[in-house]
């Protein structure tokens, strides 16, 4: 099924530094990576086994952002602690506003 090219649906991109095996699932706030780019620090209780930590990250972000889990994906960094998250249906500004209120 071909998607029409009238313009892509909006999606936000969010760099994450994930810490698996934490004592609680929580968003710790903003930090900067080695290149000085902003990253959101997130901890999850799940271990990095068979995608469990990534699944916990998607659940936590979907709940925090008020979007369905299906809107949250990990296009880059699935096996890494530093990941790029994509959130369908939100602009980067909307996403930052929702995360800043947490």
C-alpha atoms as a PDB file:
ATOM      1  CA  UNK A   1       0.000   0.000   0.000  1.00  0.00           C
ATOM      2  CA  UNK A   2       1.628   3.230  -1.149  1.00  0.00           C
ATOM      3  CA  UNK A   3       1.647   6.264   1.084  1.00  0.00           C
ATOM      4  CA  UNK A   4       0.593   9.514  -0.559  1.00  0.00           C
ATOM      5  CA  UNK A   5       3.295  12.156  -0.870  1.00  0.00           C
ATOM      6  CA  UNK A   6       1.218  15.140   0.223  1.00  0.00           C
ATOM      7  CA  UNK A   7       3.647  15.572   3.101  1.00  0.00           C
ATOM      8  CA  UNK A   8       4.909  13.184   5.726  1.00  0.00           C
ATOM      9  CA  UNK A   9       2.992  12.825   8.951  1.00  0.00           C
ATOM     10  CA  UNK A  10       4.703  14.779  11.669  1.00  0.00           C
ATOM     11  CA  UNK A  11       7.018  12.932  14.003  1.00  0.00           C
ATOM     12  CA  UNK A  12       9.339  14.034  16.773  1.00  0.00           C
ATOM     13  CA  UNK A  13      12.835  12.683  17.296  1.00  0.00           C
ATOM     14  CA  UNK A  14      14.307  12.370  20.752  1.00  0.00           C
ATOM     15  CA  UNK A  15      17.814  11.245  21.720  1.00  0.00           C
ATOM     16  CA  UNK A  16      17.721   9.080  24.861  1.00  0.00           C
ATOM     17  CA  UNK A  17      20.401   7.777  27.198  1.00  0.00           C
ATOM     18  CA  UNK A  18      18.859   4.650  28.711  1.00  0.00           C
ATOM     19  CA  UNK A  19      19.967   3.070  31.991  1.00  0.00           C
ATOM     20  CA  UNK A  20      18.478  -0.434  32.313  1.00  0.00           C
ATOM     21  CA  UNK A  21      18.287  -2.376  35.573  1.00  0.00           C
ATOM     22  CA  UNK A  22      17.423   0.703  37.644  1.00  0.00           C
ATOM     23  CA  UNK A  23      15.461   0.649  40.894  1.00  0.00           C
ATOM     24  CA  UNK A  24      12.475   2.391  39.248  1.00  0.00           C
ATOM     25  CA  UNK A  25      11.153   3.440  35.843  1.00  0.00           C
ATOM     26  CA  UNK A  26      11.672   7.171  35.596  1.00  0.00           C
ATOM     27  CA  UNK A  27      12.685  10.086  33.417  1.00  0.00           C
ATOM     28  CA  UNK A  28      15.656  11.846  35.008  1.00  0.00           C
ATOM     29  CA  UNK A  29      15.638  14.946  32.810  1.00  0.00           C
ATOM     30  CA  UNK A  30      17.934  16.495  30.245  1.00  0.00           C
ATOM     31  CA  UNK A  31      21.700  16.121  29.908  1.00  0.00           C
ATOM     32  CA  UNK A  32      24.182  16.618  27.064  1.00  0.00           C
ATOM     33  CA  UNK A  33      26.128  13.941  25.214  1.00  0.00           C
ATOM     34  CA  UNK A  34      29.840  13.999  24.348  1.00  0.00           C
ATOM     35  CA  UNK A  35      29.111  16.229  21.330  1.00  0.00           C
ATOM     36  CA  UNK A  36      27.097  18.693  23.401  1.00  0.00           C
ATOM     37  CA  UNK A  37      23.686  17.639  22.035  1.00  0.00           C
ATOM     38  CA  UNK A  38      20.749  17.403  24.441  1.00  0.00           C
ATOM     39  CA  UNK A  39      19.729  13.894  25.493  1.00  0.00           C
ATOM     40  CA  UNK A  40      16.932  12.781  27.792  1.00  0.00           C
ATOM     41  CA  UNK A  41      18.111  10.511  30.615  1.00  0.00           C
ATOM     42  CA  UNK A  42      15.713   7.642  31.299  1.00  0.00           C
ATOM     43  CA  UNK A  43      15.945   4.694  33.713  1.00  0.00           C
ATOM     44  CA  UNK A  44      13.948   1.473  33.503  1.00  0.00           C
ATOM     45  CA  UNK A  45      13.784  -1.516  35.837  1.00  0.00           C
ATOM     46  CA  UNK A  46      13.883  -3.975  32.940  1.00  0.00           C
ATOM     47  CA  UNK A  47      17.185  -5.622  32.044  1.00  0.00           C
ATOM     48  CA  UNK A  48      18.639  -5.298  28.539  1.00  0.00           C
ATOM     49  CA  UNK A  49      17.585  -8.862  27.669  1.00  0.00           C
ATOM     50  CA  UNK A  50      15.535  -9.769  24.561  1.00  0.00           C
ATOM     51  CA  UNK A  51      14.404  -6.180  24.071  1.00  0.00           C
ATOM     52  CA  UNK A  52      12.832  -5.887  27.531  1.00  0.00           C
ATOM     53  CA  UNK A  53      14.544  -2.566  28.358  1.00  0.00           C
ATOM     54  CA  UNK A  54      13.521  -1.098  24.987  1.00  0.00           C
ATOM     55  CA  UNK A  55       9.923  -2.239  25.538  1.00  0.00           C
ATOM     56  CA  UNK A  56       9.907  -0.661  29.010  1.00  0.00           C
ATOM     57  CA  UNK A  57      11.320   2.556  27.529  1.00  0.00           C
ATOM     58  CA  UNK A  58       8.563   2.685  24.889  1.00  0.00           C
ATOM     59  CA  UNK A  59       5.857   2.089  27.530  1.00  0.00           C
ATOM     60  CA  UNK A  60       7.273   4.790  29.823  1.00  0.00           C
ATOM     61  CA  UNK A  61       7.629   7.399  27.071  1.00  0.00           C
ATOM     62  CA  UNK A  62       4.198   6.674  25.581  1.00  0.00           C
ATOM     63  CA  UNK A  63       2.593   7.150  29.003  1.00  0.00           C
ATOM     64  CA  UNK A  64       4.621  10.311  29.746  1.00  0.00           C
ATOM     65  CA  UNK A  65       3.810  11.840  26.350  1.00  0.00           C
ATOM     66  CA  UNK A  66       0.165  10.774  26.297  1.00  0.00           C
ATOM     67  CA  UNK A  67       0.480   8.848  23.038  1.00  0.00           C
ATOM     68  CA  UNK A  68      -0.242   5.193  22.181  1.00  0.00           C
ATOM     69  CA  UNK A  69       2.700   2.775  22.416  1.00  0.00           C
ATOM     70  CA  UNK A  70       2.362   2.200  18.676  1.00  0.00           C
ATOM     71  CA  UNK A  71       3.376   5.852  18.102  1.00  0.00           C
ATOM     72  CA  UNK A  72       6.775   5.339  19.766  1.00  0.00           C
ATOM     73  CA  UNK A  73       9.598   3.552  17.940  1.00  0.00           C
ATOM     74  CA  UNK A  74      13.378   3.166  18.149  1.00  0.00           C
ATOM     75  CA  UNK A  75      14.738   3.700  14.626  1.00  0.00           C
ATOM     76  CA  UNK A  76      18.383   3.901  15.782  1.00  0.00           C
ATOM     77  CA  UNK A  77      20.377   2.538  18.705  1.00  0.00           C
ATOM     78  CA  UNK A  78      18.223  -0.437  19.647  1.00  0.00           C
ATOM     79  CA  UNK A  79      21.285  -2.306  20.987  1.00  0.00           C
ATOM     80  CA  UNK A  80      22.948   0.800  22.449  1.00  0.00           C
ATOM     81  CA  UNK A  81      22.440   2.817  25.637  1.00  0.00           C
ATOM     82  CA  UNK A  82      22.101   5.928  23.478  1.00  0.00           C
ATOM     83  CA  UNK A  83      19.005   5.633  21.290  1.00  0.00           C
ATOM     84  CA  UNK A  84      17.037   7.788  18.889  1.00  0.00           C
ATOM     85  CA  UNK A  85      13.326   7.620  19.632  1.00  0.00           C
ATOM     86  CA  UNK A  86      10.678   8.603  17.086  1.00  0.00           C
ATOM     87  CA  UNK A  87       7.208   9.681  18.204  1.00  0.00           C
ATOM     88  CA  UNK A  88       4.600   9.767  15.453  1.00  0.00           C
ATOM     89  CA  UNK A  89       1.987  12.503  15.537  1.00  0.00           C
ATOM     90  CA  UNK A  90       3.957  14.975  17.691  1.00  0.00           C
ATOM     91  CA  UNK A  91       6.235  17.816  16.669  1.00  0.00           C
ATOM     92  CA  UNK A  92       9.586  18.245  18.426  1.00  0.00           C
ATOM     93  CA  UNK A  93       8.179  21.356  20.142  1.00  0.00           C
ATOM     94  CA  UNK A  94       5.063  19.506  21.389  1.00  0.00           C
ATOM     95  CA  UNK A  95       7.186  16.643  22.669  1.00  0.00           C
ATOM     96  CA  UNK A  96       9.596  18.957  24.526  1.00  0.00           C
ATOM     97  CA  UNK A  97       6.667  20.835  26.080  1.00  0.00           C
ATOM     98  CA  UNK A  98       5.113  17.593  27.360  1.00  0.00           C
ATOM     99  CA  UNK A  99       8.443  16.319  28.715  1.00  0.00           C
ATOM    100  CA  UNK A 100       9.364  19.599  30.376  1.00  0.00           C
ATOM    101  CA  UNK A 101       6.172  19.445  32.433  1.00  0.00           C
ATOM    102  CA  UNK A 102       7.178  16.148  34.054  1.00  0.00           C
END
